[in-house]
Amino acid sequence: MTIELAVCAAYRIRHSEFLGWDADDRDKAVWQYIRERQACRTCGTRPDEWDPDKGGDHNAYVAEPERCRGCEVRQAAAASLTGDEGRGVHIVLVRNKEVKPHGHP
């Protein structure tokens, strides 16, 4: 698969549509795609951010705990499953119909 087709897949557009963009926009899309692919899937940083030889710093980031209520609820539900009951189960969050979404009257 060419890089252009990978970019089209990421943007969910037809290749012919991508080719209709001006060259500068196509170049930016390709480089953004490459940049995103270089990022670690777990932490989101790129190796060059940590490498002093590439303008980075060995101490570029510090780790700080961050609580997510959604993850907390999912993990509690997963922990409540036992034995065979939990095999192959993915816990998803579904909007509680009794609670109005934030910002809605």
PDB file of N, CA and C in Angstrom:
ATOM      1  N   MET A   1       0.856  -1.170   0.000  1.00  0.00           N
ATOM      2  CA  MET A   1       0.000   0.000   0.000  1.00  0.00           C
ATOM      3  C   MET A   1       0.906   1.237   0.000  1.00  0.00           C
ATOM      4  N   THR A   2       0.635   2.171  -0.860  1.00  0.00           N
ATOM      5  CA  THR A   2       1.438   3.385  -0.885  1.00  0.00           C
ATOM      6  C   THR A   2       1.063   4.269   0.294  1.00  0.00           C
ATOM      7  N   ILE A   3       1.945   5.198   0.594  1.00  0.00           N
ATOM      8  CA  ILE A   3       1.673   6.118   1.696  1.00  0.00           C
ATOM      9  C   ILE A   3       0.416   6.940   1.408  1.00  0.00           C
ATOM     10  N   GLU A   4       0.207   7.291   0.131  1.00  0.00           N
ATOM     11  CA  GLU A   4      -0.993   8.063  -0.204  1.00  0.00           C
ATOM     12  C   GLU A   4      -2.263   7.282   0.117  1.00  0.00           C
ATOM     13  N   LEU A   5      -2.265   5.999  -0.189  1.00  0.00           N
ATOM     14  CA  LEU A   5      -3.449   5.189   0.097  1.00  0.00           C
ATOM     15  C   LEU A   5      -3.654   5.028   1.592  1.00  0.00           C
ATOM     16  N   ALA A   6      -2.561   4.943   2.341  1.00  0.00           N
ATOM     17  CA  ALA A   6      -2.679   4.865   3.800  1.00  0.00           C
ATOM     18  C   ALA A   6      -3.272   6.156   4.361  1.00  0.00           C
ATOM     19  N   VAL A   7      -2.849   7.295   3.810  1.00  0.00           N
ATOM     20  CA  VAL A   7      -3.401   8.582   4.240  1.00  0.00           C
ATOM     21  C   VAL A   7      -4.889   8.650   3.913  1.00  0.00           C
ATOM     22  N   CYS A   8      -5.251   8.195   2.713  1.00  0.00           N
ATOM     23  CA  CYS A   8      -6.662   8.199   2.313  1.00  0.00           C
ATOM     24  C   CYS A   8      -7.489   7.326   3.256  1.00  0.00           C
ATOM     25  N   ALA A   9      -6.947   6.177   3.633  1.00  0.00           N
ATOM     26  CA  ALA A   9      -7.652   5.295   4.564  1.00  0.00           C
ATOM     27  C   ALA A   9      -7.824   5.981   5.915  1.00  0.00           C
ATOM     28  N   ALA A  10      -6.784   6.678   6.373  1.00  0.00           N
ATOM     29  CA  ALA A  10      -6.858   7.372   7.660  1.00  0.00           C
ATOM     30  C   ALA A  10      -7.909   8.483   7.637  1.00  0.00           C
ATOM     31  N   TYR A  11      -8.008   9.200   6.516  1.00  0.00           N
ATOM     32  CA  TYR A  11      -8.983  10.281   6.381  1.00  0.00           C
ATOM     33  C   TYR A  11     -10.338   9.785   5.883  1.00  0.00           C
ATOM     34  N   ARG A  12     -10.383   8.513   5.507  1.00  0.00           N
ATOM     35  CA  ARG A  12     -11.605   7.894   4.972  1.00  0.00           C
ATOM     36  C   ARG A  12     -12.135   8.645   3.746  1.00  0.00           C
ATOM     37  N   ILE A  13     -11.192   8.871   2.826  1.00  0.00           N
ATOM     38  CA  ILE A  13     -11.553   9.525   1.571  1.00  0.00           C
ATOM     39  C   ILE A  13     -11.050   8.686   0.405  1.00  0.00           C
ATOM     40  N   ARG A  14     -11.630   8.913  -0.772  1.00  0.00           N
ATOM     41  CA  ARG A  14     -11.169   8.235  -1.983  1.00  0.00           C
ATOM     42  C   ARG A  14      -9.837   8.835  -2.422  1.00  0.00           C
ATOM     43  N   HIS A  15      -9.007   8.024  -3.069  1.00  0.00           N
ATOM     44  CA  HIS A  15      -7.719   8.500  -3.555  1.00  0.00           C
ATOM     45  C   HIS A  15      -7.921   9.635  -4.551  1.00  0.00           C
ATOM     46  N   SER A  16      -8.939   9.541  -5.388  1.00  0.00           N
ATOM     47  CA  SER A  16      -9.207  10.600  -6.365  1.00  0.00           C
ATOM     48  C   SER A  16      -9.513  11.926  -5.662  1.00  0.00           C
ATOM     49  N   GLU A  17     -10.179  11.864  -4.513  1.00  0.00           N
ATOM     50  CA  GLU A  17     -10.449  13.089  -3.747  1.00  0.00           C
ATOM     51  C   GLU A  17      -9.144  13.669  -3.210  1.00  0.00           C
ATOM     52  N   PHE A  18      -8.289  12.789  -2.676  1.00  0.00           N
ATOM     53  CA  PHE A  18      -6.985  13.218  -2.165  1.00  0.00           C
ATOM     54  C   PHE A  18      -6.176  13.894  -3.273  1.00  0.00           C
ATOM     55  N   LEU A  19      -6.201  13.320  -4.461  1.00  0.00           N
ATOM     56  CA  LEU A  19      -5.453  13.882  -5.579  1.00  0.00           C
ATOM     57  C   LEU A  19      -6.003  15.242  -6.006  1.00  0.00           C
ATOM     58  N   GLY A  20      -7.239  15.543  -5.634  1.00  0.00           N
ATOM     59  CA  GLY A  20      -7.832  16.839  -5.928  1.00  0.00           C
ATOM     60  C   GLY A  20      -7.349  17.950  -4.998  1.00  0.00           C
ATOM     61  N   TRP A  21      -6.717  17.584  -3.889  1.00  0.00           N
ATOM     62  CA  TRP A  21      -6.173  18.575  -2.973  1.00  0.00           C
ATOM     63  C   TRP A  21      -4.958  19.231  -3.628  1.00  0.00           C
ATOM     64  N   ASP A  22      -4.622  20.456  -3.202  1.00  0.00           N
ATOM     65  CA  ASP A  22      -3.410  21.042  -3.771  1.00  0.00           C
ATOM     66  C   ASP A  22      -2.193  20.328  -3.164  1.00  0.00           C
ATOM     67  N   ALA A  23      -1.066  20.431  -3.843  1.00  0.00           N
ATOM     68  CA  ALA A  23       0.136  19.675  -3.476  1.00  0.00           C
ATOM     69  C   ALA A  23       0.580  19.959  -2.037  1.00  0.00           C
ATOM     70  N   ASP A  24       0.484  21.218  -1.605  1.00  0.00           N
ATOM     71  CA  ASP A  24       0.900  21.577  -0.252  1.00  0.00           C
ATOM     72  C   ASP A  24       0.043  20.862   0.798  1.00  0.00           C
ATOM     73  N   ASP A  25      -1.274  20.819   0.569  1.00  0.00           N
ATOM     74  CA  ASP A  25      -2.167  20.125   1.503  1.00  0.00           C
ATOM     75  C   ASP A  25      -1.900  18.626   1.515  1.00  0.00           C
ATOM     76  N   ARG A  26      -1.624  18.038   0.360  1.00  0.00           N
ATOM     77  CA  ARG A  26      -1.305  16.603   0.304  1.00  0.00           C
ATOM     78  C   ARG A  26      -0.025  16.322   1.071  1.00  0.00           C
ATOM     79  N   ASP A  27       0.997  17.168   0.878  1.00  0.00           N
ATOM     80  CA  ASP A  27       2.264  16.986   1.597  1.00  0.00           C
ATOM     81  C   ASP A  27       2.057  17.079   3.105  1.00  0.00           C
ATOM     82  N   LYS A  28       1.273  18.046   3.545  1.00  0.00           N
ATOM     83  CA  LYS A  28       1.012  18.195   4.984  1.00  0.00           C
ATOM     84  C   LYS A  28       0.287  16.975   5.535  1.00  0.00           C
ATOM     85  N   ALA A  29      -0.669  16.461   4.786  1.00  0.00           N
ATOM     86  CA  ALA A  29      -1.419  15.280   5.236  1.00  0.00           C
ATOM     87  C   ALA A  29      -0.499  14.071   5.349  1.00  0.00           C
ATOM     88  N   VAL A  30       0.377  13.895   4.376  1.00  0.00           N
ATOM     89  CA  VAL A  30       1.316  12.765   4.408  1.00  0.00           C
ATOM     90  C   VAL A  30       2.249  12.887   5.607  1.00  0.00           C
ATOM     91  N   TRP A  31       2.818  14.074   5.820  1.00  0.00           N
ATOM     92  CA  TRP A  31       3.747  14.239   6.940  1.00  0.00           C
ATOM     93  C   TRP A  31       3.042  14.118   8.286  1.00  0.00           C
ATOM     94  N   GLN A  32       1.813  14.576   8.387  1.00  0.00           N
ATOM     95  CA  GLN A  32       1.063  14.399   9.638  1.00  0.00           C
ATOM     96  C   GLN A  32       0.807  12.919   9.888  1.00  0.00           C
ATOM     97  N   TYR A  33       0.471  12.186   8.838  1.00  0.00           N
ATOM     98  CA  TYR A  33       0.250  10.749   8.959  1.00  0.00           C
ATOM     99  C   TYR A  33       1.527  10.059   9.447  1.00  0.00           C
ATOM    100  N   ILE A  34       2.658  10.412   8.835  1.00  0.00           N
ATOM    101  CA  ILE A  34       3.949   9.821   9.239  1.00  0.00           C
ATOM    102  C   ILE A  34       4.247  10.157  10.694  1.00  0.00           C
ATOM    103  N   ARG A  35       4.033  11.395  11.065  1.00  0.00           N
ATOM    104  CA  ARG A  35       4.302  11.839  12.452  1.00  0.00           C
ATOM    105  C   ARG A  35       3.450  11.037  13.440  1.00  0.00           C
ATOM    106  N   GLU A  36       2.168  10.866  13.133  1.00  0.00           N
ATOM    107  CA  GLU A  36       1.286  10.108  14.016  1.00  0.00           C
ATOM    108  C   GLU A  36       1.710   8.646  14.106  1.00  0.00           C
ATOM    109  N   ARG A  37       2.177   8.071  13.000  1.00  0.00           N
ATOM    110  CA  ARG A  37       2.598   6.666  12.996  1.00  0.00           C
ATOM    111  C   ARG A  37       3.881   6.451  13.806  1.00  0.00           C
ATOM    112  N   GLN A  38       4.679   7.504  13.961  1.00  0.00           N
ATOM    113  CA  GLN A  38       5.914   7.392  14.737  1.00  0.00           C
ATOM    114  C   GLN A  38       5.643   7.382  16.236  1.00  0.00           C
ATOM    115  N   ALA A  39       4.475   7.797  16.640  1.00  0.00           N
ATOM    116  CA  ALA A  39       4.143   7.887  18.063  1.00  0.00           C
ATOM    117  C   ALA A  39       3.912   6.500  18.649  1.00  0.00           C
ATOM    118  N   CYS A  40       4.344   6.328  19.877  1.00  0.00           N
ATOM    119  CA  CYS A  40       4.108   5.090  20.616  1.00  0.00           C
ATOM    120  C   CYS A  40       2.605   4.902  20.803  1.00  0.00           C
ATOM    121  N   ARG A  41       2.122   3.713  20.569  1.00  0.00           N
ATOM    122  CA  ARG A  41       0.687   3.436  20.714  1.00  0.00           C
ATOM    123  C   ARG A  41       0.230   3.466  22.169  1.00  0.00           C
ATOM    124  N   THR A  42       1.161   3.327  23.081  1.00  0.00           N
ATOM    125  CA  THR A  42       0.803   3.322  24.496  1.00  0.00           C
ATOM    126  C   THR A  42       0.838   4.719  25.106  1.00  0.00           C
ATOM    127  N   CYS A  43       1.954   5.449  24.918  1.00  0.00           N
ATOM    128  CA  CYS A  43       2.090   6.739  25.602  1.00  0.00           C
ATOM    129  C   CYS A  43       1.912   7.944  24.681  1.00  0.00           C
ATOM    130  N   GLY A  44       1.979   7.754  23.372  1.00  0.00           N
ATOM    131  CA  GLY A  44       1.751   8.845  22.429  1.00  0.00           C
ATOM    132  C   GLY A  44       2.961   9.711  22.117  1.00  0.00           C
ATOM    133  N   THR A  45       4.109   9.426  22.754  1.00  0.00           N
ATOM    134  CA  THR A  45       5.303  10.223  22.448  1.00  0.00           C
ATOM    135  C   THR A  45       6.050   9.588  21.275  1.00  0.00           C
ATOM    136  N   ARG A  46       6.923  10.401  20.661  1.00  0.00           N
ATOM    137  CA  ARG A  46       7.747   9.914  19.551  1.00  0.00           C
ATOM    138  C   ARG A  46       9.188   9.782  20.021  1.00  0.00           C
ATOM    139  N   PRO A  47       9.948   8.838  19.483  1.00  0.00           N
ATOM    140  CA  PRO A  47      11.337   8.645  19.920  1.00  0.00           C
ATOM    141  C   PRO A  47      12.189   9.909  19.855  1.00  0.00           C
ATOM    142  N   ASP A  48      12.016  10.748  18.828  1.00  0.00           N
ATOM    143  CA  ASP A  48      12.843  11.950  18.713  1.00  0.00           C
ATOM    144  C   ASP A  48      12.593  12.944  19.843  1.00  0.00           C
ATOM    145  N   GLU A  49      11.442  12.880  20.487  1.00  0.00           N
ATOM    146  CA  GLU A  49      11.171  13.769  21.609  1.00  0.00           C
ATOM    147  C   GLU A  49      12.083  13.461  22.798  1.00  0.00           C
ATOM    148  N   TRP A  50      12.561  12.219  22.870  1.00  0.00           N
ATOM    149  CA  TRP A  50      13.397  11.766  23.982  1.00  0.00           C
ATOM    150  C   TRP A  50      14.888  11.789  23.620  1.00  0.00           C
ATOM    151  N   ASP A  51      15.225  11.961  22.352  1.00  0.00           N
ATOM    152  CA  ASP A  51      16.600  11.817  21.864  1.00  0.00           C
ATOM    153  C   ASP A  51      17.279  13.183  21.723  1.00  0.00           C
ATOM    154  N   PRO A  52      18.258  13.482  22.597  1.00  0.00           N
ATOM    155  CA  PRO A  52      18.957  14.770  22.520  1.00  0.00           C
ATOM    156  C   PRO A  52      19.637  14.997  21.163  1.00  0.00           C
ATOM    157  N   ASP A  53      20.078  13.928  20.509  1.00  0.00           N
ATOM    158  CA  ASP A  53      20.725  14.060  19.199  1.00  0.00           C
ATOM    159  C   ASP A  53      19.752  14.508  18.112  1.00  0.00           C
ATOM    160  N   LYS A  54      18.454  14.413  18.403  1.00  0.00           N
ATOM    161  CA  LYS A  54      17.433  14.807  17.429  1.00  0.00           C
ATOM    162  C   LYS A  54      16.610  15.992  17.931  1.00  0.00           C
ATOM    163  N   GLY A  55      17.169  16.752  18.874  1.00  0.00           N
ATOM    164  CA  GLY A  55      16.488  17.930  19.389  1.00  0.00           C
ATOM    165  C   GLY A  55      15.586  17.662  20.578  1.00  0.00           C
ATOM    166  N   GLY A  56      15.545  16.425  21.036  1.00  0.00           N
ATOM    167  CA  GLY A  56      14.711  16.067  22.183  1.00  0.00           C
ATOM    168  C   GLY A  56      15.469  16.163  23.487  1.00  0.00           C
ATOM    169  N   ASP A  57      14.895  15.628  24.513  1.00  0.00           N
ATOM    170  CA  ASP A  57      15.500  15.653  25.841  1.00  0.00           C
ATOM    171  C   ASP A  57      15.144  14.360  26.555  1.00  0.00           C
ATOM    172  N   HIS A  58      16.124  13.763  27.215  1.00  0.00           N
ATOM    173  CA  HIS A  58      15.913  12.506  27.932  1.00  0.00           C
ATOM    174  C   HIS A  58      14.834  12.640  29.008  1.00  0.00           C
ATOM    175  N   ASN A  59      14.603  13.851  29.464  1.00  0.00           N
ATOM    176  CA  ASN A  59      13.586  14.124  30.480  1.00  0.00           C
ATOM    177  C   ASN A  59      12.448  14.961  29.904  1.00  0.00           C
ATOM    178  N   ALA A  60      12.073  14.693  28.660  1.00  0.00           N
ATOM    179  CA  ALA A  60      11.076  15.503  27.957  1.00  0.00           C
ATOM    180  C   ALA A  60       9.718  15.513  28.652  1.00  0.00           C
ATOM    181  N   TYR A  61       9.371  14.457  29.322  1.00  0.00           N
ATOM    182  CA  TYR A  61       8.071  14.349  29.993  1.00  0.00           C
ATOM    183  C   TYR A  61       8.272  13.809  31.399  1.00  0.00           C
ATOM    184  N   VAL A  62       7.328  14.097  32.254  1.00  0.00           N
ATOM    185  CA  VAL A  62       7.257  13.472  33.570  1.00  0.00           C
ATOM    186  C   VAL A  62       5.925  12.739  33.645  1.00  0.00           C
ATOM    187  N   ALA A  63       5.896  11.673  34.395  1.00  0.00           N
ATOM    188  CA  ALA A  63       4.671  10.881  34.540  1.00  0.00           C
ATOM    189  C   ALA A  63       3.859  11.414  35.716  1.00  0.00           C
ATOM    190  N   GLU A  64       2.588  11.661  35.470  1.00  0.00           N
ATOM    191  CA  GLU A  64       1.679  12.111  36.521  1.00  0.00           C
ATOM    192  C   GLU A  64       0.413  11.274  36.461  1.00  0.00           C
ATOM    193  N   PRO A  65      -0.091  10.855  37.611  1.00  0.00           N
ATOM    194  CA  PRO A  65      -1.342  10.100  37.594  1.00  0.00           C
ATOM    195  C   PRO A  65      -2.506  10.987  37.186  1.00  0.00           C
ATOM    196  N   GLU A  66      -3.411  10.425  36.430  1.00  0.00           N
ATOM    197  CA  GLU A  66      -4.613  11.138  36.014  1.00  0.00           C
ATOM    198  C   GLU A  66      -5.780  10.174  36.113  1.00  0.00           C
ATOM    199  N   ARG A  67      -6.781  10.574  36.853  1.00  0.00           N
ATOM    200  CA  ARG A  67      -7.925   9.697  37.061  1.00  0.00           C
ATOM    201  C   ARG A  67      -8.986   9.969  36.008  1.00  0.00           C
ATOM    202  N   CYS A  68      -9.509   8.890  35.450  1.00  0.00           N
ATOM    203  CA  CYS A  68     -10.616   8.972  34.503  1.00  0.00           C
ATOM    204  C   CYS A  68     -11.781   8.193  35.103  1.00  0.00           C
ATOM    205  N   ARG A  69     -12.886   8.851  35.354  1.00  0.00           N
ATOM    206  CA  ARG A  69     -14.047   8.188  35.965  1.00  0.00           C
ATOM    207  C   ARG A  69     -14.567   7.073  35.067  1.00  0.00           C
ATOM    208  N   GLY A  70     -14.539   7.287  33.748  1.00  0.00           N
ATOM    209  CA  GLY A  70     -14.990   6.253  32.824  1.00  0.00           C
ATOM    210  C   GLY A  70     -14.147   4.992  32.930  1.00  0.00           C
ATOM    211  N   CYS A  71     -12.829   5.155  32.965  1.00  0.00           N
ATOM    212  CA  CYS A  71     -11.940   3.992  33.110  1.00  0.00           C
ATOM    213  C   CYS A  71     -12.146   3.315  34.456  1.00  0.00           C
ATOM    214  N   GLU A  72     -12.365   4.118  35.481  1.00  0.00           N
ATOM    215  CA  GLU A  72     -12.611   3.577  36.821  1.00  0.00           C
ATOM    216  C   GLU A  72     -13.860   2.686  36.811  1.00  0.00           C
ATOM    217  N   VAL A  73     -14.935   3.153  36.208  1.00  0.00           N
ATOM    218  CA  VAL A  73     -16.184   2.398  36.142  1.00  0.00           C
ATOM    219  C   VAL A  73     -15.984   1.116  35.318  1.00  0.00           C
ATOM    220  N   ARG A  74     -15.296   1.226  34.177  1.00  0.00           N
ATOM    221  CA  ARG A  74     -15.050   0.047  33.339  1.00  0.00           C
ATOM    222  C   ARG A  74     -14.219  -0.999  34.084  1.00  0.00           C
ATOM    223  N   GLN A  75     -13.151  -0.537  34.752  1.00  0.00           N
ATOM    224  CA  GLN A  75     -12.282  -1.468  35.463  1.00  0.00           C
ATOM    225  C   GLN A  75     -13.011  -2.145  36.619  1.00  0.00           C
ATOM    226  N   ALA A  76     -13.869  -1.419  37.317  1.00  0.00           N
ATOM    227  CA  ALA A  76     -14.648  -2.012  38.411  1.00  0.00           C
ATOM    228  C   ALA A  76     -15.588  -3.080  37.857  1.00  0.00           C
ATOM    229  N   ALA A  77     -16.224  -2.796  36.713  1.00  0.00           N
ATOM    230  CA  ALA A  77     -17.120  -3.782  36.106  1.00  0.00           C
ATOM    231  C   ALA A  77     -16.333  -5.011  35.666  1.00  0.00           C
ATOM    232  N   ALA A  78     -15.159  -4.813  35.088  1.00  0.00           N
ATOM    233  CA  ALA A  78     -14.331  -5.942  34.650  1.00  0.00           C
ATOM    234  C   ALA A  78     -13.886  -6.785  35.843  1.00  0.00           C
ATOM    235  N   ALA A  79     -13.540  -6.122  36.949  1.00  0.00           N
ATOM    236  CA  ALA A  79     -13.093  -6.835  38.142  1.00  0.00           C
ATOM    237  C   ALA A  79     -14.209  -7.665  38.760  1.00  0.00           C
ATOM    238  N   SER A  80     -15.457  -7.282  38.500  1.00  0.00           N
ATOM    239  CA  SER A  80     -16.580  -8.017  39.090  1.00  0.00           C
ATOM    240  C   SER A  80     -16.880  -9.318  38.340  1.00  0.00           C
ATOM    241  N   LEU A  81     -16.329  -9.460  37.130  1.00  0.00           N
ATOM    242  CA  LEU A  81     -16.539 -10.692  36.362  1.00  0.00           C
ATOM    243  C   LEU A  81     -15.584 -11.762  36.865  1.00  0.00           C
ATOM    244  N   THR A  82     -16.079 -12.968  37.016  1.00  0.00           N
ATOM    245  CA  THR A  82     -15.235 -14.038  37.547  1.00  0.00           C
ATOM    246  C   THR A  82     -15.190 -15.215  36.586  1.00  0.00           C
ATOM    247  N   GLY A  83     -14.082 -15.921  36.600  1.00  0.00           N
ATOM    248  CA  GLY A  83     -13.929 -17.160  35.836  1.00  0.00           C
ATOM    249  C   GLY A  83     -14.354 -17.051  34.385  1.00  0.00           C
ATOM    250  N   ASP A  84     -15.120 -18.043  33.932  1.00  0.00           N
ATOM    251  CA  ASP A  84     -15.569 -18.096  32.542  1.00  0.00           C
ATOM    252  C   ASP A  84     -16.441 -16.900  32.172  1.00  0.00           C
ATOM    253  N   GLU A  85     -17.099 -16.317  33.148  1.00  0.00           N
ATOM    254  CA  GLU A  85     -17.986 -15.182  32.908  1.00  0.00           C
ATOM    255  C   GLU A  85     -17.234 -14.016  32.248  1.00  0.00           C
ATOM    256  N   GLY A  86     -15.940 -13.860  32.552  1.00  0.00           N
ATOM    257  CA  GLY A  86     -15.181 -12.729  32.052  1.00  0.00           C
ATOM    258  C   GLY A  86     -14.399 -12.986  30.786  1.00  0.00           C
ATOM    259  N   ARG A  87     -14.357 -14.223  30.335  1.00  0.00           N
ATOM    260  CA  ARG A  87     -13.578 -14.535  29.126  1.00  0.00           C
ATOM    261  C   ARG A  87     -14.206 -13.913  27.894  1.00  0.00           C
ATOM    262  N   GLY A  88     -13.396 -13.194  27.138  1.00  0.00           N
ATOM    263  CA  GLY A  88     -13.852 -12.604  25.889  1.00  0.00           C
ATOM    264  C   GLY A  88     -14.779 -11.418  26.046  1.00  0.00           C
ATOM    265  N   VAL A  89     -14.934 -10.922  27.267  1.00  0.00           N
ATOM    266  CA  VAL A  89     -15.858  -9.814  27.517  1.00  0.00           C
ATOM    267  C   VAL A  89     -15.085  -8.494  27.478  1.00  0.00           C
ATOM    268  N   HIS A  90     -15.611  -7.549  26.736  1.00  0.00           N
ATOM    269  CA  HIS A  90     -15.069  -6.191  26.696  1.00  0.00           C
ATOM    270  C   HIS A  90     -16.105  -5.290  27.359  1.00  0.00           C
ATOM    271  N   ILE A  91     -15.676  -4.546  28.326  1.00  0.00           N
ATOM    272  CA  ILE A  91     -16.576  -3.649  29.024  1.00  0.00           C
ATOM    273  C   ILE A  91     -16.637  -2.322  28.254  1.00  0.00           C
ATOM    274  N   VAL A  92     -17.837  -1.903  27.889  1.00  0.00           N
ATOM    275  CA  VAL A  92     -18.034  -0.645  27.179  1.00  0.00           C
ATOM    276  C   VAL A  92     -18.914   0.268  28.023  1.00  0.00           C
ATOM    277  N   LEU A  93     -18.784   1.554  27.807  1.00  0.00           N
ATOM    278  CA  LEU A  93     -19.627   2.519  28.505  1.00  0.00           C
ATOM    279  C   LEU A  93     -20.826   2.853  27.623  1.00  0.00           C
ATOM    280  N   VAL A  94     -22.003   2.794  28.203  1.00  0.00           N
ATOM    281  CA  VAL A  94     -23.250   3.110  27.509  1.00  0.00           C
ATOM    282  C   VAL A  94     -23.921   4.223  28.300  1.00  0.00           C
ATOM    283  N   ARG A  95     -24.368   5.262  27.604  1.00  0.00           N
ATOM    284  CA  ARG A  95     -24.992   6.402  28.274  1.00  0.00           C
ATOM    285  C   ARG A  95     -26.177   5.947  29.118  1.00  0.00           C
ATOM    286  N   ASN A  96     -26.221   6.402  30.363  1.00  0.00           N
ATOM    287  CA  ASN A  96     -27.323   6.128  31.273  1.00  0.00           C
ATOM    288  C   ASN A  96     -28.500   6.995  30.834  1.00  0.00           C
ATOM    289  N   LYS A  97     -29.581   6.387  30.408  1.00  0.00           N
ATOM    290  CA  LYS A  97     -30.737   7.124  29.884  1.00  0.00           C
ATOM    291  C   LYS A  97     -31.418   7.977  30.949  1.00  0.00           C
ATOM    292  N   GLU A  98     -31.164   7.683  32.201  1.00  0.00           N
ATOM    293  CA  GLU A  98     -31.768   8.458  33.289  1.00  0.00           C
ATOM    294  C   GLU A  98     -30.990   9.730  33.605  1.00  0.00           C
ATOM    295  N   VAL A  99     -29.789   9.859  33.030  1.00  0.00           N
ATOM    296  CA  VAL A  99     -28.948  11.023  33.287  1.00  0.00           C
ATOM    297  C   VAL A  99     -28.814  11.807  31.982  1.00  0.00           C
ATOM    298  N   LYS A 100     -29.139  13.107  32.034  1.00  0.00           N
ATOM    299  CA  LYS A 100     -29.038  13.944  30.840  1.00  0.00           C
ATOM    300  C   LYS A 100     -27.572  14.233  30.542  1.00  0.00           C
ATOM    301  N   PRO A 101     -27.183  14.243  29.251  1.00  0.00           N
ATOM    302  CA  PRO A 101     -25.807  14.572  28.883  1.00  0.00           C
ATOM    303  C   PRO A 101     -25.413  15.966  29.371  1.00  0.00           C
ATOM    304  N   HIS A 102     -24.170  16.121  29.700  1.00  0.00           N
ATOM    305  CA  HIS A 102     -23.642  17.405  30.173  1.00  0.00           C
ATOM    306  C   HIS A 102     -23.923  18.500  29.143  1.00  0.00           C
ATOM    307  N   GLY A 103     -24.435  19.621  29.598  1.00  0.00           N
ATOM    308  CA  GLY A 103     -24.686  20.763  28.728  1.00  0.00           C
ATOM    309  C   GLY A 103     -26.047  20.730  28.054  1.00  0.00           C
ATOM    310  N   HIS A 104     -26.880  19.701  28.341  1.00  0.00           N
ATOM    311  CA  HIS A 104     -28.223  19.620  27.744  1.00  0.00           C
ATOM    312  C   HIS A 104     -29.268  19.854  28.819  1.00  0.00           C
ATOM    313  N   PRO A 105     -30.292  20.654  28.497  1.00  0.00           N
ATOM    314  CA  PRO A 105     -31.330  20.945  29.506  1.00  0.00           C
ATOM    315  C   PRO A 105     -32.199  19.732  29.814  1.00  0.00           C
TER     316      PRO A 105
END
